[in-house]
Amino acid sequence: MQKVSSTRAFAKVAPHVIPALDRGVHRLTRGKVLLSAQMLPGVILTVTGARSGQPRRTPLACMPEESGASWILIGSNFGRTGHPAWTANLLAHPDAEISWKGTDIPVTAVLLAGEERAAVWKALLVFWPPYATYQARVEREIRLFRISPGRLSPPLSAAGGGSPE
């Protein structure tokens, strides 16, 4: 499967097929199953759209960290030229939610940089070697985010910032 996922053909087809299948199966199984998780662990990320302000749900492969308390999200976009939209959404709105094995977890995302990114990238290539092929195909640096449980700021309703009734 790693060999297939490294091909340009996979990069053309997968972004249109895999997320749609994952969303459907995830919905039908009430959050318990992601088809792509048969290859790699996966989450459904719900983040506020950077431009729309609307919730956006995206099935993503992830690398759970050894601590079990955080995950790495990889903005590989299957080795396509542009950054995936969900990465811009997380940059604009780092408070998000993931569905992990059927449990919804509020999280905060941090874009990794420098030595920290380099160390995670090295571990990521051991975890799933095709990411090296994706990076070799593009000039951009693939964005890596660490997501951890908790929020930077309370939801509007908890902060008293909701609309007046």
N, C-alpha and C. Protein backbone atom coordinates (compact mmCIF):
# COMPACT_ATOMS: atom_id res chain seq x y z
N MET A 1 0.82 -1.20 0.00
CA MET A 1 0.00 0.00 0.00
C MET A 1 0.86 1.26 0.00
N GLN A 2 2.00 1.22 0.70
CA GLN A 2 2.88 2.39 0.72
C GLN A 2 3.37 2.73 -0.68
N LYS A 3 3.67 1.69 -1.48
CA LYS A 3 4.15 1.92 -2.84
C LYS A 3 3.07 2.59 -3.68
N VAL A 4 1.85 2.09 -3.59
CA VAL A 4 0.72 2.65 -4.35
C VAL A 4 0.47 4.09 -3.93
N SER A 5 0.49 4.37 -2.62
CA SER A 5 0.17 5.71 -2.14
C SER A 5 1.24 6.74 -2.52
N SER A 6 2.39 6.28 -2.98
CA SER A 6 3.46 7.21 -3.40
C SER A 6 3.36 7.62 -4.87
N THR A 7 2.44 7.02 -5.61
CA THR A 7 2.38 7.29 -7.05
C THR A 7 1.63 8.60 -7.34
N ARG A 8 1.95 9.17 -8.49
CA ARG A 8 1.24 10.39 -8.93
C ARG A 8 -0.23 10.09 -9.23
N ALA A 9 -0.52 8.91 -9.73
CA ALA A 9 -1.91 8.53 -10.01
C ALA A 9 -2.73 8.54 -8.72
N PHE A 10 -2.17 7.99 -7.65
CA PHE A 10 -2.84 7.99 -6.36
C PHE A 10 -3.09 9.43 -5.90
N ALA A 11 -2.09 10.30 -6.09
CA ALA A 11 -2.22 11.71 -5.69
C ALA A 11 -3.32 12.42 -6.46
N LYS A 12 -3.59 11.99 -7.68
CA LYS A 12 -4.66 12.61 -8.48
C LYS A 12 -6.04 12.13 -8.05
N VAL A 13 -6.15 10.84 -7.77
CA VAL A 13 -7.46 10.23 -7.49
C VAL A 13 -7.82 10.29 -6.01
N ALA A 14 -6.89 9.98 -5.14
CA ALA A 14 -7.17 9.83 -3.70
C ALA A 14 -7.84 11.03 -3.05
N PRO A 15 -7.42 12.27 -3.33
CA PRO A 15 -8.06 13.40 -2.65
C PRO A 15 -9.55 13.55 -2.94
N HIS A 16 -10.00 12.95 -4.05
CA HIS A 16 -11.42 13.05 -4.41
C HIS A 16 -12.22 11.86 -3.89
N VAL A 17 -11.56 10.73 -3.72
CA VAL A 17 -12.26 9.51 -3.36
C VAL A 17 -12.19 9.20 -1.86
N ILE A 18 -11.00 9.22 -1.29
CA ILE A 18 -10.81 8.78 0.10
C ILE A 18 -11.57 9.65 1.10
N PRO A 19 -11.47 10.99 1.05
CA PRO A 19 -12.24 11.78 2.03
C PRO A 19 -13.75 11.56 1.93
N ALA A 20 -14.28 11.44 0.71
CA ALA A 20 -15.72 11.23 0.56
C ALA A 20 -16.14 9.90 1.16
N LEU A 21 -15.37 8.85 0.89
CA LEU A 21 -15.67 7.54 1.48
C LEU A 21 -15.56 7.59 3.00
N ASP A 22 -14.50 8.23 3.50
CA ASP A 22 -14.32 8.32 4.94
C ASP A 22 -15.48 9.06 5.62
N ARG A 23 -15.89 10.19 5.04
CA ARG A 23 -16.99 10.95 5.63
C ARG A 23 -18.27 10.10 5.69
N GLY A 24 -18.57 9.39 4.59
CA GLY A 24 -19.77 8.57 4.54
C GLY A 24 -19.75 7.42 5.54
N VAL A 25 -18.66 6.69 5.57
CA VAL A 25 -18.54 5.56 6.49
C VAL A 25 -18.53 6.05 7.94
N HIS A 26 -17.84 7.17 8.20
CA HIS A 26 -17.80 7.74 9.54
C HIS A 26 -19.21 8.10 10.01
N ARG A 27 -19.98 8.71 9.12
CA ARG A 27 -21.35 9.09 9.46
C ARG A 27 -22.22 7.85 9.71
N LEU A 28 -22.12 6.86 8.81
CA LEU A 28 -22.93 5.65 8.95
C LEU A 28 -22.61 4.84 10.20
N THR A 29 -21.35 4.86 10.63
CA THR A 29 -20.95 4.08 11.81
C THR A 29 -20.94 4.92 13.08
N ARG A 30 -21.49 6.12 12.99
CA ARG A 30 -21.56 7.05 14.13
C ARG A 30 -20.19 7.30 14.75
N GLY A 31 -19.22 7.52 13.86
CA GLY A 31 -17.89 7.91 14.32
C GLY A 31 -16.96 6.79 14.71
N LYS A 32 -17.38 5.56 14.53
CA LYS A 32 -16.56 4.45 14.99
C LYS A 32 -15.56 3.94 13.95
N VAL A 33 -15.82 4.19 12.64
CA VAL A 33 -14.97 3.63 11.60
C VAL A 33 -14.55 4.69 10.58
N LEU A 34 -13.28 4.66 10.23
CA LEU A 34 -12.73 5.42 9.10
C LEU A 34 -12.06 4.38 8.20
N LEU A 35 -12.46 4.32 6.93
CA LEU A 35 -11.85 3.34 6.03
C LEU A 35 -10.35 3.55 5.90
N SER A 36 -9.92 4.81 5.78
CA SER A 36 -8.49 5.08 5.60
C SER A 36 -7.67 4.66 6.81
N ALA A 37 -8.32 4.50 7.96
CA ALA A 37 -7.60 4.09 9.17
C ALA A 37 -7.13 2.64 9.08
N GLN A 38 -7.53 1.94 8.01
CA GLN A 38 -7.00 0.59 7.80
C GLN A 38 -5.53 0.67 7.37
N MET A 39 -5.12 1.83 6.80
CA MET A 39 -3.72 2.04 6.41
C MET A 39 -2.97 2.82 7.48
N LEU A 40 -3.57 3.90 7.92
CA LEU A 40 -2.96 4.81 8.90
C LEU A 40 -4.01 5.21 9.92
N PRO A 41 -3.61 5.53 11.14
CA PRO A 41 -4.59 6.07 12.09
C PRO A 41 -5.20 7.34 11.51
N GLY A 42 -6.45 7.60 11.86
CA GLY A 42 -7.11 8.77 11.30
C GLY A 42 -8.05 9.44 12.27
N VAL A 43 -8.31 10.70 11.99
CA VAL A 43 -9.26 11.51 12.75
C VAL A 43 -10.17 12.22 11.76
N ILE A 44 -11.29 12.70 12.27
CA ILE A 44 -12.09 13.66 11.53
C ILE A 44 -11.85 14.98 12.24
N LEU A 45 -11.29 15.93 11.52
CA LEU A 45 -11.00 17.25 12.06
C LEU A 45 -12.17 18.17 11.75
N THR A 46 -12.68 18.86 12.77
CA THR A 46 -13.68 19.89 12.56
C THR A 46 -13.05 21.20 13.00
N VAL A 47 -12.93 22.12 12.04
CA VAL A 47 -12.28 23.41 12.29
C VAL A 47 -13.09 24.50 11.61
N THR A 48 -13.05 25.69 12.14
CA THR A 48 -13.76 26.82 11.54
C THR A 48 -13.05 27.25 10.26
N GLY A 49 -13.80 27.44 9.20
CA GLY A 49 -13.24 27.88 7.93
C GLY A 49 -12.60 29.25 8.05
N ALA A 50 -11.42 29.42 7.49
CA ALA A 50 -10.68 30.68 7.59
C ALA A 50 -11.44 31.83 6.93
N ARG A 51 -12.10 31.57 5.82
CA ARG A 51 -12.84 32.63 5.12
C ARG A 51 -14.33 32.58 5.40
N SER A 52 -14.88 31.37 5.47
CA SER A 52 -16.34 31.24 5.60
C SER A 52 -16.83 31.41 7.03
N GLY A 53 -15.99 31.04 7.99
CA GLY A 53 -16.43 31.04 9.38
C GLY A 53 -17.32 29.84 9.71
N GLN A 54 -17.53 28.96 8.75
CA GLN A 54 -18.39 27.79 8.93
C GLN A 54 -17.56 26.58 9.36
N PRO A 55 -18.15 25.65 10.11
CA PRO A 55 -17.42 24.44 10.49
C PRO A 55 -17.08 23.61 9.25
N ARG A 56 -15.85 23.12 9.19
CA ARG A 56 -15.39 22.29 8.08
C ARG A 56 -14.90 20.96 8.65
N ARG A 57 -15.43 19.86 8.12
CA ARG A 57 -15.05 18.51 8.60
C ARG A 57 -14.19 17.85 7.55
N THR A 58 -13.03 17.37 7.97
CA THR A 58 -12.08 16.76 7.05
C THR A 58 -11.51 15.49 7.66
N PRO A 59 -11.65 14.36 6.96
CA PRO A 59 -10.97 13.14 7.44
C PRO A 59 -9.48 13.25 7.13
N LEU A 60 -8.64 12.95 8.11
CA LEU A 60 -7.19 13.08 7.94
C LEU A 60 -6.45 11.90 8.56
N ALA A 61 -5.37 11.51 7.91
CA ALA A 61 -4.45 10.58 8.54
C ALA A 61 -3.71 11.36 9.62
N CYS A 62 -3.28 10.65 10.64
CA CYS A 62 -2.54 11.31 11.71
C CYS A 62 -1.49 10.35 12.26
N MET A 63 -0.57 10.91 13.01
CA MET A 63 0.39 10.08 13.73
C MET A 63 0.19 10.36 15.22
N PRO A 64 -0.39 9.39 15.94
CA PRO A 64 -0.51 9.59 17.39
C PRO A 64 0.89 9.65 18.00
N GLU A 65 1.09 10.56 18.93
CA GLU A 65 2.40 10.64 19.58
C GLU A 65 2.46 9.62 20.71
N GLU A 66 3.69 9.27 21.07
CA GLU A 66 3.91 8.21 22.06
C GLU A 66 3.20 8.48 23.38
N SER A 67 3.09 9.73 23.77
CA SER A 67 2.45 10.07 25.03
C SER A 67 0.98 9.67 25.04
N GLY A 68 0.38 9.55 23.85
CA GLY A 68 -1.03 9.25 23.75
C GLY A 68 -1.91 10.45 23.98
N ALA A 69 -1.30 11.60 24.25
CA ALA A 69 -2.06 12.80 24.57
C ALA A 69 -2.05 13.83 23.44
N SER A 70 -1.45 13.50 22.30
CA SER A 70 -1.43 14.44 21.18
C SER A 70 -1.26 13.67 19.88
N TRP A 71 -1.54 14.35 18.79
CA TRP A 71 -1.47 13.76 17.46
C TRP A 71 -0.76 14.73 16.54
N ILE A 72 -0.14 14.20 15.49
CA ILE A 72 0.47 15.02 14.45
C ILE A 72 -0.41 14.93 13.22
N LEU A 73 -0.81 16.09 12.69
CA LEU A 73 -1.54 16.17 11.43
C LEU A 73 -0.57 16.63 10.36
N ILE A 74 -0.66 16.02 9.19
CA ILE A 74 0.31 16.24 8.12
C ILE A 74 -0.38 16.86 6.92
N GLY A 75 0.02 18.06 6.54
CA GLY A 75 -0.59 18.76 5.41
C GLY A 75 0.05 18.38 4.08
N SER A 76 0.13 17.09 3.80
CA SER A 76 0.82 16.62 2.60
C SER A 76 0.02 16.86 1.33
N ASN A 77 -1.31 16.87 1.44
CA ASN A 77 -2.17 17.03 0.27
C ASN A 77 -1.84 15.99 -0.79
N PHE A 78 -1.43 14.81 -0.34
CA PHE A 78 -1.08 13.69 -1.22
C PHE A 78 0.05 14.06 -2.20
N GLY A 79 0.89 15.01 -1.79
CA GLY A 79 2.01 15.40 -2.65
C GLY A 79 1.61 16.34 -3.78
N ARG A 80 0.47 17.00 -3.64
CA ARG A 80 0.04 17.98 -4.65
C ARG A 80 0.62 19.34 -4.29
N THR A 81 0.64 20.26 -5.25
CA THR A 81 1.40 21.50 -5.10
C THR A 81 0.93 22.42 -3.97
N GLY A 82 -0.35 22.61 -3.78
CA GLY A 82 -0.82 23.56 -2.79
C GLY A 82 -1.02 22.96 -1.41
N HIS A 83 -0.99 23.84 -0.41
CA HIS A 83 -1.33 23.40 0.95
C HIS A 83 -2.81 23.03 0.98
N PRO A 84 -3.19 22.00 1.72
CA PRO A 84 -4.62 21.69 1.84
C PRO A 84 -5.34 22.78 2.62
N ALA A 85 -6.60 23.02 2.27
CA ALA A 85 -7.38 24.10 2.88
C ALA A 85 -7.46 23.98 4.40
N TRP A 86 -7.53 22.76 4.91
CA TRP A 86 -7.68 22.60 6.37
C TRP A 86 -6.49 23.21 7.11
N THR A 87 -5.30 23.27 6.48
CA THR A 87 -4.14 23.85 7.17
C THR A 87 -4.31 25.36 7.34
N ALA A 88 -4.86 26.03 6.33
CA ALA A 88 -5.13 27.47 6.45
C ALA A 88 -6.20 27.71 7.52
N ASN A 89 -7.17 26.82 7.58
CA ASN A 89 -8.21 26.94 8.60
C ASN A 89 -7.62 26.82 10.00
N LEU A 90 -6.71 25.86 10.21
CA LEU A 90 -6.08 25.71 11.53
C LEU A 90 -5.17 26.89 11.87
N LEU A 91 -4.50 27.44 10.87
CA LEU A 91 -3.67 28.62 11.13
C LEU A 91 -4.53 29.79 11.60
N ALA A 92 -5.70 29.95 10.99
CA ALA A 92 -6.60 31.05 11.35
C ALA A 92 -7.36 30.77 12.65
N HIS A 93 -7.69 29.49 12.88
CA HIS A 93 -8.51 29.09 14.04
C HIS A 93 -7.92 27.83 14.66
N PRO A 94 -6.92 27.97 15.54
CA PRO A 94 -6.27 26.79 16.10
C PRO A 94 -7.14 25.96 17.04
N ASP A 95 -8.22 26.52 17.56
CA ASP A 95 -9.14 25.72 18.37
C ASP A 95 -10.01 24.92 17.43
N ALA A 96 -10.07 23.62 17.65
CA ALA A 96 -10.80 22.73 16.74
C ALA A 96 -11.34 21.55 17.54
N GLU A 97 -11.81 20.55 16.82
CA GLU A 97 -12.29 19.32 17.45
C GLU A 97 -11.90 18.16 16.55
N ILE A 98 -11.58 17.04 17.16
CA ILE A 98 -11.35 15.83 16.38
C ILE A 98 -12.29 14.75 16.86
N SER A 99 -12.60 13.86 15.96
CA SER A 99 -13.28 12.62 16.32
C SER A 99 -12.21 11.55 16.23
N TRP A 100 -11.87 10.97 17.37
CA TRP A 100 -10.81 9.95 17.46
C TRP A 100 -11.44 8.69 18.00
N LYS A 101 -11.53 7.66 17.15
CA LYS A 101 -12.10 6.37 17.54
C LYS A 101 -13.49 6.52 18.16
N GLY A 102 -14.29 7.41 17.56
CA GLY A 102 -15.67 7.60 17.99
C GLY A 102 -15.87 8.58 19.13
N THR A 103 -14.80 9.18 19.62
CA THR A 103 -14.90 10.17 20.71
C THR A 103 -14.55 11.55 20.18
N ASP A 104 -15.41 12.53 20.46
CA ASP A 104 -15.15 13.91 20.07
C ASP A 104 -14.28 14.58 21.14
N ILE A 105 -13.18 15.19 20.70
CA ILE A 105 -12.21 15.78 21.62
C ILE A 105 -11.90 17.20 21.18
N PRO A 106 -12.15 18.21 22.04
CA PRO A 106 -11.73 19.57 21.70
C PRO A 106 -10.20 19.64 21.75
N VAL A 107 -9.60 20.28 20.75
CA VAL A 107 -8.15 20.33 20.65
C VAL A 107 -7.68 21.72 20.25
N THR A 108 -6.39 21.94 20.46
CA THR A 108 -5.71 23.14 19.98
C THR A 108 -4.56 22.68 19.10
N ALA A 109 -4.40 23.36 17.97
CA ALA A 109 -3.35 23.01 17.01
C ALA A 109 -2.21 24.02 17.08
N VAL A 110 -1.00 23.51 16.93
CA VAL A 110 0.21 24.34 16.87
C VAL A 110 0.99 23.92 15.64
N LEU A 111 1.32 24.90 14.78
CA LEU A 111 2.15 24.63 13.61
C LEU A 111 3.58 24.40 14.08
N LEU A 112 4.18 23.30 13.68
CA LEU A 112 5.55 22.99 14.10
C LEU A 112 6.56 23.67 13.19
N ALA A 113 7.66 24.11 13.76
CA ALA A 113 8.72 24.78 13.00
C ALA A 113 10.08 24.42 13.60
N GLY A 114 11.11 24.72 12.84
CA GLY A 114 12.48 24.58 13.33
C GLY A 114 12.86 23.17 13.72
N GLU A 115 13.62 23.08 14.82
CA GLU A 115 14.12 21.78 15.29
C GLU A 115 13.00 20.84 15.70
N GLU A 116 11.95 21.41 16.28
CA GLU A 116 10.82 20.58 16.69
C GLU A 116 10.17 19.93 15.46
N ARG A 117 9.98 20.70 14.39
CA ARG A 117 9.42 20.15 13.16
C ARG A 117 10.34 19.08 12.58
N ALA A 118 11.65 19.38 12.56
CA ALA A 118 12.62 18.43 12.00
C ALA A 118 12.58 17.09 12.74
N ALA A 119 12.48 17.13 14.05
CA ALA A 119 12.43 15.88 14.84
C ALA A 119 11.14 15.11 14.55
N VAL A 120 10.03 15.81 14.46
CA VAL A 120 8.75 15.15 14.18
C VAL A 120 8.76 14.60 12.75
N TRP A 121 9.32 15.37 11.80
CA TRP A 121 9.38 14.90 10.40
C TRP A 121 10.16 13.59 10.31
N LYS A 122 11.27 13.51 11.04
CA LYS A 122 12.09 12.30 11.05
C LYS A 122 11.28 11.10 11.56
N ALA A 123 10.56 11.30 12.64
CA ALA A 123 9.72 10.22 13.20
C ALA A 123 8.58 9.88 12.24
N LEU A 124 8.05 10.87 11.58
CA LEU A 124 6.96 10.67 10.62
C LEU A 124 7.40 9.81 9.44
N LEU A 125 8.63 10.00 8.97
CA LEU A 125 9.12 9.21 7.84
C LEU A 125 9.34 7.75 8.21
N VAL A 126 9.62 7.48 9.48
CA VAL A 126 9.70 6.10 9.95
C VAL A 126 8.28 5.52 10.01
N PHE A 127 7.35 6.32 10.48
CA PHE A 127 5.95 5.93 10.64
C PHE A 127 5.28 5.63 9.30
N TRP A 128 5.51 6.50 8.28
CA TRP A 128 4.90 6.36 6.95
C TRP A 128 5.85 6.91 5.90
N PRO A 129 6.76 6.10 5.38
CA PRO A 129 7.79 6.55 4.43
C PRO A 129 7.29 7.29 3.19
N PRO A 130 6.07 7.04 2.67
CA PRO A 130 5.63 7.78 1.48
C PRO A 130 5.61 9.30 1.65
N TYR A 131 5.60 9.80 2.87
CA TYR A 131 5.64 11.26 3.04
C TYR A 131 6.90 11.86 2.43
N ALA A 132 7.99 11.11 2.38
CA ALA A 132 9.23 11.60 1.75
C ALA A 132 8.99 11.81 0.25
N THR A 133 8.25 10.92 -0.38
CA THR A 133 7.92 11.06 -1.80
C THR A 133 7.04 12.29 -2.02
N TYR A 134 6.06 12.48 -1.15
CA TYR A 134 5.19 13.66 -1.27
C TYR A 134 6.03 14.93 -1.18
N GLN A 135 6.94 15.00 -0.21
CA GLN A 135 7.75 16.21 -0.03
C GLN A 135 8.65 16.43 -1.24
N ALA A 136 9.19 15.36 -1.82
CA ALA A 136 10.09 15.49 -2.97
C ALA A 136 9.36 16.03 -4.20
N ARG A 137 8.05 15.83 -4.28
CA ARG A 137 7.28 16.29 -5.44
C ARG A 137 6.91 17.76 -5.38
N VAL A 138 7.01 18.37 -4.22
CA VAL A 138 6.54 19.76 -4.08
C VAL A 138 7.66 20.67 -3.58
N GLU A 139 7.55 21.95 -3.92
CA GLU A 139 8.54 22.93 -3.45
C GLU A 139 8.19 23.46 -2.07
N ARG A 140 6.93 23.45 -1.71
CA ARG A 140 6.51 23.96 -0.41
C ARG A 140 6.94 23.01 0.70
N GLU A 141 7.10 23.54 1.90
CA GLU A 141 7.35 22.67 3.05
C GLU A 141 6.00 22.16 3.55
N ILE A 142 5.89 20.86 3.68
CA ILE A 142 4.65 20.26 4.17
C ILE A 142 4.43 20.71 5.61
N ARG A 143 3.25 21.26 5.86
CA ARG A 143 2.93 21.74 7.21
C ARG A 143 2.63 20.57 8.14
N LEU A 144 3.18 20.66 9.34
CA LEU A 144 2.92 19.68 10.40
C LEU A 144 2.31 20.41 11.59
N PHE A 145 1.25 19.87 12.12
CA PHE A 145 0.59 20.44 13.29
C PHE A 145 0.56 19.41 14.40
N ARG A 146 0.81 19.86 15.60
CA ARG A 146 0.57 19.03 16.79
C ARG A 146 -0.77 19.49 17.35
N ILE A 147 -1.66 18.53 17.53
CA ILE A 147 -2.94 18.86 18.15
C ILE A 147 -2.99 18.17 19.50
N SER A 148 -3.43 18.94 20.48
CA SER A 148 -3.49 18.46 21.86
C SER A 148 -4.86 18.79 22.44
N PRO A 149 -5.35 17.95 23.34
CA PRO A 149 -6.64 18.23 23.97
C PRO A 149 -6.63 19.58 24.68
N GLY A 150 -7.75 20.26 24.63
CA GLY A 150 -7.92 21.55 25.29
C GLY A 150 -8.08 22.67 24.27
N ARG A 151 -8.41 23.83 24.78
CA ARG A 151 -8.65 25.00 23.92
C ARG A 151 -7.82 26.17 24.40
N LEU A 152 -7.44 27.03 23.44
CA LEU A 152 -6.75 28.28 23.80
C LEU A 152 -7.72 29.23 24.48
N SER A 153 -8.95 29.27 23.96
CA SER A 153 -9.96 30.17 24.52
C SER A 153 -11.26 29.40 24.66
N PRO A 154 -12.08 29.79 25.64
CA PRO A 154 -13.36 29.08 25.82
C PRO A 154 -14.29 29.36 24.64
N PRO A 155 -15.24 28.45 24.36
CA PRO A 155 -16.22 28.70 23.32
C PRO A 155 -16.99 29.98 23.62
N LEU A 156 -17.53 30.63 22.61
CA LEU A 156 -18.26 31.90 22.80
C LEU A 156 -19.34 31.79 23.87
N SER A 157 -20.09 30.70 23.88
CA SER A 157 -21.18 30.58 24.85
C SER A 157 -20.64 30.54 26.28
N ALA A 158 -19.48 29.92 26.50
CA ALA A 158 -18.90 29.85 27.84
C ALA A 158 -18.27 31.17 28.25
N ALA A 159 -17.83 31.97 27.27
CA ALA A 159 -17.16 33.23 27.57
C ALA A 159 -18.15 34.38 27.68
N GLY A 160 -19.42 34.09 27.49
CA GLY A 160 -20.41 35.16 27.57
C GLY A 160 -20.44 35.97 26.30
N GLY A 161 -19.83 35.50 25.22
CA GLY A 161 -19.77 36.27 24.00
C GLY A 161 -20.85 35.90 23.01
N GLY A 162 -21.82 35.12 23.44
CA GLY A 162 -22.89 34.72 22.51
C GLY A 162 -23.82 35.88 22.23
N SER A 163 -24.79 35.67 21.35
CA SER A 163 -25.71 36.75 21.02
C SER A 163 -26.69 36.97 22.15
N PRO A 164 -27.13 38.22 22.30
CA PRO A 164 -28.10 38.51 23.35
C PRO A 164 -29.45 37.85 23.02
N GLU A 165 -30.17 37.44 24.05
CA GLU A 165 -31.45 36.77 23.82
C GLU A 165 -32.58 37.72 24.03
